[in-house]
């Protein structure tokens, strides 16, 4: 996120678990670092654990539903 080629960055980290099958609405504000550059792509990364690919076990489950990109 602090690399010179990153045009903008936004993040959200849940502090705990959600109950049952309830949906949780999340809005992620994007911090644009280069206002004179128009991005061609967006990368959305989601993982069931904060470490993502470093997760080594446990009972962690991610359900991602009804994603909307508003720009």
PDB file of N, CA and C in Angstrom:
ATOM      1  N   UNK A   1       0.796  -1.202   0.000  1.00  0.00           N
ATOM      2  CA  UNK A   1       0.000   0.000   0.000  1.00  0.00           C
ATOM      3  C   UNK A   1       0.836   1.262   0.000  1.00  0.00           C
ATOM      4  N   UNK A   2       2.051   1.205   0.435  1.00  0.00           N
ATOM      5  CA  UNK A   2       2.913   2.382   0.461  1.00  0.00           C
ATOM      6  C   UNK A   2       3.890   2.419  -0.704  1.00  0.00           C
ATOM      7  N   UNK A   3       3.650   1.629  -1.715  1.00  0.00           N
ATOM      8  CA  UNK A   3       4.529   1.597  -2.887  1.00  0.00           C
ATOM      9  C   UNK A   3       4.182   2.738  -3.827  1.00  0.00           C
ATOM     10  N   UNK A   4       5.153   3.211  -4.575  1.00  0.00           N
ATOM     11  CA  UNK A   4       4.941   4.355  -5.454  1.00  0.00           C
ATOM     12  C   UNK A   4       3.971   4.074  -6.592  1.00  0.00           C
ATOM     13  N   UNK A   5       3.798   2.792  -6.973  1.00  0.00           N
ATOM     14  CA  UNK A   5       2.893   2.454  -8.066  1.00  0.00           C
ATOM     15  C   UNK A   5       1.434   2.291  -7.614  1.00  0.00           C
ATOM     16  N   UNK A   6       1.166   2.377  -6.322  1.00  0.00           N
ATOM     17  CA  UNK A   6      -0.199   2.259  -5.811  1.00  0.00           C
ATOM     18  C   UNK A   6      -0.881   3.620  -5.948  1.00  0.00           C
ATOM     19  N   UNK A   7      -1.925   3.666  -6.767  1.00  0.00           N
ATOM     20  CA  UNK A   7      -2.632   4.913  -7.032  1.00  0.00           C
ATOM     21  C   UNK A   7      -3.570   5.265  -5.885  1.00  0.00           C
ATOM     22  N   UNK A   8      -4.244   4.250  -5.338  1.00  0.00           N
ATOM     23  CA  UNK A   8      -5.210   4.478  -4.256  1.00  0.00           C
ATOM     24  C   UNK A   8      -5.286   3.235  -3.387  1.00  0.00           C
ATOM     25  N   UNK A   9      -5.767   3.416  -2.158  1.00  0.00           N
ATOM     26  CA  UNK A   9      -5.824   2.277  -1.237  1.00  0.00           C
ATOM     27  C   UNK A   9      -6.964   2.479  -0.245  1.00  0.00           C
ATOM     28  N   UNK A  10      -7.629   1.395   0.088  1.00  0.00           N
ATOM     29  CA  UNK A  10      -8.654   1.401   1.118  1.00  0.00           C
ATOM     30  C   UNK A  10      -8.684   0.040   1.786  1.00  0.00           C
ATOM     31  N   UNK A  11      -9.102  -0.013   3.048  1.00  0.00           N
ATOM     32  CA  UNK A  11      -9.127  -1.298   3.759  1.00  0.00           C
ATOM     33  C   UNK A  11     -10.198  -1.292   4.844  1.00  0.00           C
ATOM     34  N   UNK A  12     -10.652  -2.492   5.184  1.00  0.00           N
ATOM     35  CA  UNK A  12     -11.548  -2.673   6.322  1.00  0.00           C
ATOM     36  C   UNK A  12     -11.174  -3.991   6.991  1.00  0.00           C
ATOM     37  N   UNK A  13     -11.015  -3.958   8.292  1.00  0.00           N
ATOM     38  CA  UNK A  13     -10.733  -5.178   9.058  1.00  0.00           C
ATOM     39  C   UNK A  13     -11.795  -5.327  10.135  1.00  0.00           C
ATOM     40  N   UNK A  14     -12.460  -6.474  10.151  1.00  0.00           N
ATOM     41  CA  UNK A  14     -13.430  -6.759  11.199  1.00  0.00           C
ATOM     42  C   UNK A  14     -12.692  -7.064  12.487  1.00  0.00           C
ATOM     43  N   UNK A  15     -13.232  -6.623  13.585  1.00  0.00           N
ATOM     44  CA  UNK A  15     -12.612  -6.846  14.892  1.00  0.00           C
ATOM     45  C   UNK A  15     -13.082  -8.137  15.547  1.00  0.00           C
ATOM     46  N   UNK A  16     -14.118  -8.732  15.041  1.00  0.00           N
ATOM     47  CA  UNK A  16     -14.632  -9.960  15.652  1.00  0.00           C
ATOM     48  C   UNK A  16     -15.450 -10.736  14.638  1.00  0.00           C
ATOM     49  N   UNK A  17     -16.307 -11.607  15.120  1.00  0.00           N
ATOM     50  CA  UNK A  17     -17.137 -12.413  14.236  1.00  0.00           C
ATOM     51  C   UNK A  17     -18.514 -11.780  14.108  1.00  0.00           C
ATOM     52  N   UNK A  18     -19.204 -12.131  13.045  1.00  0.00           N
ATOM     53  CA  UNK A  18     -20.594 -11.711  12.877  1.00  0.00           C
ATOM     54  C   UNK A  18     -21.482 -12.858  13.326  1.00  0.00           C
ATOM     55  N   UNK A  19     -22.658 -12.523  13.765  1.00  0.00           N
ATOM     56  CA  UNK A  19     -23.562 -13.536  14.315  1.00  0.00           C
ATOM     57  C   UNK A  19     -24.439 -14.155  13.235  1.00  0.00           C
ATOM     58  N   UNK A  20     -24.549 -15.476  13.246  1.00  0.00           N
ATOM     59  CA  UNK A  20     -25.451 -16.191  12.356  1.00  0.00           C
ATOM     60  C   UNK A  20     -25.225 -15.883  10.898  1.00  0.00           C
ATOM     61  N   UNK A  21     -26.321 -15.668  10.179  1.00  0.00           N
ATOM     62  CA  UNK A  21     -26.230 -15.400   8.746  1.00  0.00           C
ATOM     63  C   UNK A  21     -26.525 -13.929   8.430  1.00  0.00           C
ATOM     64  N   UNK A  22     -26.387 -13.075   9.414  1.00  0.00           N
ATOM     65  CA  UNK A  22     -26.664 -11.659   9.211  1.00  0.00           C
ATOM     66  C   UNK A  22     -25.638 -11.023   8.283  1.00  0.00           C
ATOM     67  N   UNK A  23     -26.125 -10.194   7.352  1.00  0.00           N
ATOM     68  CA  UNK A  23     -25.231  -9.444   6.480  1.00  0.00           C
ATOM     69  C   UNK A  23     -24.746  -8.203   7.205  1.00  0.00           C
ATOM     70  N   UNK A  24     -23.526  -7.806   6.933  1.00  0.00           N
ATOM     71  CA  UNK A  24     -22.951  -6.610   7.534  1.00  0.00           C
ATOM     72  C   UNK A  24     -22.553  -5.683   6.392  1.00  0.00           C
ATOM     73  N   UNK A  25     -23.130  -4.476   6.382  1.00  0.00           N
ATOM     74  CA  UNK A  25     -22.785  -3.523   5.341  1.00  0.00           C
ATOM     75  C   UNK A  25     -21.489  -2.817   5.697  1.00  0.00           C
ATOM     76  N   UNK A  26     -20.591  -2.755   4.745  1.00  0.00           N
ATOM     77  CA  UNK A  26     -19.295  -2.112   4.948  1.00  0.00           C
ATOM     78  C   UNK A  26     -19.053  -1.152   3.790  1.00  0.00           C
ATOM     79  N   UNK A  27     -18.647   0.060   4.113  1.00  0.00           N
ATOM     80  CA  UNK A  27     -18.243   1.031   3.107  1.00  0.00           C
ATOM     81  C   UNK A  27     -16.759   1.303   3.310  1.00  0.00           C
ATOM     82  N   UNK A  28     -15.990   1.167   2.242  1.00  0.00           N
ATOM     83  CA  UNK A  28     -14.551   1.390   2.326  1.00  0.00           C
ATOM     84  C   UNK A  28     -14.221   2.653   1.531  1.00  0.00           C
ATOM     85  N   UNK A  29     -13.758   3.659   2.225  1.00  0.00           N
ATOM     86  CA  UNK A  29     -13.326   4.887   1.567  1.00  0.00           C
ATOM     87  C   UNK A  29     -11.951   4.655   0.948  1.00  0.00           C
ATOM     88  N   UNK A  30     -11.764   5.189  -0.245  1.00  0.00           N
ATOM     89  CA  UNK A  30     -10.513   5.019  -0.968  1.00  0.00           C
ATOM     90  C   UNK A  30      -9.694   6.301  -0.859  1.00  0.00           C
ATOM     91  N   UNK A  31      -8.444   6.155  -0.449  1.00  0.00           N
ATOM     92  CA  UNK A  31      -7.508   7.270  -0.341  1.00  0.00           C
ATOM     93  C   UNK A  31      -6.698   7.336  -1.634  1.00  0.00           C
ATOM     94  N   UNK A  32      -6.979   8.341  -2.460  1.00  0.00           N
ATOM     95  CA  UNK A  32      -6.250   8.513  -3.718  1.00  0.00           C
ATOM     96  C   UNK A  32      -4.974   9.287  -3.464  1.00  0.00           C
ATOM     97  N   UNK A  33      -3.860   8.718  -3.864  1.00  0.00           N
ATOM     98  CA  UNK A  33      -2.561   9.356  -3.668  1.00  0.00           C
ATOM     99  C   UNK A  33      -2.092  10.080  -4.917  1.00  0.00           C
ATOM    100  N   UNK A  34      -2.588   9.664  -6.072  1.00  0.00           N
ATOM    101  CA  UNK A  34      -2.210  10.287  -7.344  1.00  0.00           C
ATOM    102  C   UNK A  34      -3.493  10.733  -8.034  1.00  0.00           C
ATOM    103  N   UNK A  35      -3.870  11.953  -7.858  1.00  0.00           N
ATOM    104  CA  UNK A  35      -5.128  12.445  -8.414  1.00  0.00           C
ATOM    105  C   UNK A  35      -5.065  12.688  -9.917  1.00  0.00           C
ATOM    106  N   UNK A  36      -3.885  12.807 -10.474  1.00  0.00           N
ATOM    107  CA  UNK A  36      -3.757  13.069 -11.904  1.00  0.00           C
ATOM    108  C   UNK A  36      -3.650  11.785 -12.736  1.00  0.00           C
ATOM    109  N   UNK A  37      -3.756  10.615 -12.096  1.00  0.00           N
ATOM    110  CA  UNK A  37      -3.660   9.330 -12.781  1.00  0.00           C
ATOM    111  C   UNK A  37      -5.017   8.643 -12.734  1.00  0.00           C
ATOM    112  N   UNK A  38      -5.472   8.144 -13.879  1.00  0.00           N
ATOM    113  CA  UNK A  38      -6.739   7.415 -13.940  1.00  0.00           C
ATOM    114  C   UNK A  38      -6.426   5.919 -13.949  1.00  0.00           C
ATOM    115  N   UNK A  39      -6.886   5.179 -12.942  1.00  0.00           N
ATOM    116  CA  UNK A  39      -6.580   3.743 -12.889  1.00  0.00           C
ATOM    117  C   UNK A  39      -7.326   2.959 -13.965  1.00  0.00           C
ATOM    118  N   UNK A  40      -6.710   1.878 -14.431  1.00  0.00           N
ATOM    119  CA  UNK A  40      -7.319   0.989 -15.419  1.00  0.00           C
ATOM    120  C   UNK A  40      -7.924  -0.246 -14.774  1.00  0.00           C
ATOM    121  N   UNK A  41      -7.466  -0.589 -13.580  1.00  0.00           N
ATOM    122  CA  UNK A  41      -7.890  -1.807 -12.904  1.00  0.00           C
ATOM    123  C   UNK A  41      -8.119  -1.527 -11.427  1.00  0.00           C
ATOM    124  N   UNK A  42      -8.907  -2.412 -10.796  1.00  0.00           N
ATOM    125  CA  UNK A  42      -9.066  -2.393  -9.349  1.00  0.00           C
ATOM    126  C   UNK A  42      -8.872  -3.825  -8.864  1.00  0.00           C
ATOM    127  N   UNK A  43      -8.200  -3.968  -7.749  1.00  0.00           N
ATOM    128  CA  UNK A  43      -7.982  -5.289  -7.155  1.00  0.00           C
ATOM    129  C   UNK A  43      -8.701  -5.311  -5.819  1.00  0.00           C
ATOM    130  N   UNK A  44      -9.594  -6.271  -5.647  1.00  0.00           N
ATOM    131  CA  UNK A  44     -10.306  -6.473  -4.388  1.00  0.00           C
ATOM    132  C   UNK A  44      -9.800  -7.775  -3.788  1.00  0.00           C
ATOM    133  N   UNK A  45      -9.268  -7.699  -2.598  1.00  0.00           N
ATOM    134  CA  UNK A  45      -8.767  -8.883  -1.911  1.00  0.00           C
ATOM    135  C   UNK A  45      -9.566  -9.093  -0.636  1.00  0.00           C
ATOM    136  N   UNK A  46     -10.044 -10.298  -0.429  1.00  0.00           N
ATOM    137  CA  UNK A  46     -10.790 -10.627   0.782  1.00  0.00           C
ATOM    138  C   UNK A  46     -10.276 -11.960   1.302  1.00  0.00           C
ATOM    139  N   UNK A  47     -10.128 -12.061   2.613  1.00  0.00           N
ATOM    140  CA  UNK A  47      -9.687 -13.330   3.188  1.00  0.00           C
ATOM    141  C   UNK A  47     -10.376 -13.555   4.524  1.00  0.00           C
ATOM    142  N   UNK A  48     -10.451 -14.799   4.927  1.00  0.00           N
ATOM    143  CA  UNK A  48     -11.112 -15.166   6.174  1.00  0.00           C
ATOM    144  C   UNK A  48     -10.224 -14.930   7.386  1.00  0.00           C
ATOM    145  N   UNK A  49      -8.968 -14.643   7.152  1.00  0.00           N
ATOM    146  CA  UNK A  49      -8.063 -14.349   8.262  1.00  0.00           C
ATOM    147  C   UNK A  49      -7.209 -13.144   7.901  1.00  0.00           C
ATOM    148  N   UNK A  50      -6.780 -12.416   8.897  1.00  0.00           N
ATOM    149  CA  UNK A  50      -6.002 -11.205   8.655  1.00  0.00           C
ATOM    150  C   UNK A  50      -4.718 -11.507   7.890  1.00  0.00           C
ATOM    151  N   UNK A  51      -4.117 -12.652   8.161  1.00  0.00           N
ATOM    152  CA  UNK A  51      -2.880 -13.018   7.495  1.00  0.00           C
ATOM    153  C   UNK A  51      -3.066 -13.564   6.095  1.00  0.00           C
ATOM    154  N   UNK A  52      -4.312 -13.799   5.696  1.00  0.00           N
ATOM    155  CA  UNK A  52      -4.581 -14.301   4.348  1.00  0.00           C
ATOM    156  C   UNK A  52      -3.866 -15.597   4.051  1.00  0.00           C
ATOM    157  N   UNK A  53      -2.871 -15.547   3.200  1.00  0.00           N
ATOM    158  CA  UNK A  53      -2.172 -16.769   2.791  1.00  0.00           C
ATOM    159  C   UNK A  53      -1.284 -17.344   3.882  1.00  0.00           C
ATOM    160  N   UNK A  54      -1.152 -16.658   5.014  1.00  0.00           N
ATOM    161  CA  UNK A  54      -0.350 -17.176   6.123  1.00  0.00           C
ATOM    162  C   UNK A  54      -1.195 -17.955   7.131  1.00  0.00           C
ATOM    163  N   UNK A  55      -2.504 -18.054   6.884  1.00  0.00           N
ATOM    164  CA  UNK A  55      -3.416 -18.748   7.800  1.00  0.00           C
ATOM    165  C   UNK A  55      -3.029 -20.218   7.893  1.00  0.00           C
ATOM    166  N   UNK A  56      -2.880 -20.716   9.108  1.00  0.00           N
ATOM    167  CA  UNK A  56      -2.393 -22.091   9.284  1.00  0.00           C
ATOM    168  C   UNK A  56      -3.365 -23.002  10.012  1.00  0.00           C
ATOM    169  N   UNK A  57      -4.604 -22.623  10.148  1.00  0.00           N
ATOM    170  CA  UNK A  57      -5.551 -23.527  10.785  1.00  0.00           C
ATOM    171  C   UNK A  57      -6.633 -22.777  11.529  1.00  0.00           C
ATOM    172  N   UNK A  58      -7.509 -23.554  12.148  1.00  0.00           N
ATOM    173  CA  UNK A  58      -8.611 -22.957  12.888  1.00  0.00           C
ATOM    174  C   UNK A  58      -9.904 -23.071  12.110  1.00  0.00           C
ATOM    175  N   UNK A  59     -10.950 -22.500  12.675  1.00  0.00           N
ATOM    176  CA  UNK A  59     -12.275 -22.580  12.071  1.00  0.00           C
ATOM    177  C   UNK A  59     -12.661 -21.205  11.548  1.00  0.00           C
ATOM    178  N   UNK A  60     -12.157 -20.851  10.403  1.00  0.00           N
ATOM    179  CA  UNK A  60     -12.387 -19.532   9.830  1.00  0.00           C
ATOM    180  C   UNK A  60     -13.123 -19.678   8.507  1.00  0.00           C
ATOM    181  N   UNK A  61     -14.179 -18.879   8.320  1.00  0.00           N
ATOM    182  CA  UNK A  61     -14.982 -18.979   7.109  1.00  0.00           C
ATOM    183  C   UNK A  61     -15.324 -17.570   6.636  1.00  0.00           C
ATOM    184  N   UNK A  62     -15.195 -17.328   5.346  1.00  0.00           N
ATOM    185  CA  UNK A  62     -15.534 -16.039   4.751  1.00  0.00           C
ATOM    186  C   UNK A  62     -16.651 -16.241   3.750  1.00  0.00           C
ATOM    187  N   UNK A  63     -17.716 -15.466   3.909  1.00  0.00           N
ATOM    188  CA  UNK A  63     -18.791 -15.447   2.937  1.00  0.00           C
ATOM    189  C   UNK A  63     -18.899 -14.019   2.431  1.00  0.00           C
ATOM    190  N   UNK A  64     -18.680 -13.827   1.154  1.00  0.00           N
ATOM    191  CA  UNK A  64     -18.708 -12.508   0.542  1.00  0.00           C
ATOM    192  C   UNK A  64     -19.887 -12.498  -0.429  1.00  0.00           C
ATOM    193  N   UNK A  65     -20.850 -11.592  -0.193  1.00  0.00           N
ATOM    194  CA  UNK A  65     -22.075 -11.609  -0.967  1.00  0.00           C
ATOM    195  C   UNK A  65     -22.503 -10.186  -1.302  1.00  0.00           C
ATOM    196  N   UNK A  66     -23.102 -10.015  -2.443  1.00  0.00           N
ATOM    197  CA  UNK A  66     -23.718  -8.749  -2.837  1.00  0.00           C
ATOM    198  C   UNK A  66     -22.730  -7.592  -2.806  1.00  0.00           C
ATOM    199  N   UNK A  67     -21.601  -7.767  -3.496  1.00  0.00           N
ATOM    200  CA  UNK A  67     -20.569  -6.732  -3.560  1.00  0.00           C
ATOM    201  C   UNK A  67     -20.946  -5.731  -4.647  1.00  0.00           C
ATOM    202  N   UNK A  68     -20.813  -4.461  -4.332  1.00  0.00           N
ATOM    203  CA  UNK A  68     -21.140  -3.406  -5.289  1.00  0.00           C
ATOM    204  C   UNK A  68     -20.018  -2.388  -5.302  1.00  0.00           C
ATOM    205  N   UNK A  69     -19.554  -2.066  -6.495  1.00  0.00           N
ATOM    206  CA  UNK A  69     -18.526  -1.044  -6.659  1.00  0.00           C
ATOM    207  C   UNK A  69     -19.212   0.228  -7.143  1.00  0.00           C
ATOM    208  N   UNK A  70     -19.152   1.269  -6.333  1.00  0.00           N
ATOM    209  CA  UNK A  70     -19.768   2.551  -6.679  1.00  0.00           C
ATOM    210  C   UNK A  70     -18.645   3.554  -6.826  1.00  0.00           C
ATOM    211  N   UNK A  71     -18.567   4.169  -7.987  1.00  0.00           N
ATOM    212  CA  UNK A  71     -17.505   5.137  -8.211  1.00  0.00           C
ATOM    213  C   UNK A  71     -18.022   6.324  -8.972  1.00  0.00           C
TER     214      UNK A  71
END
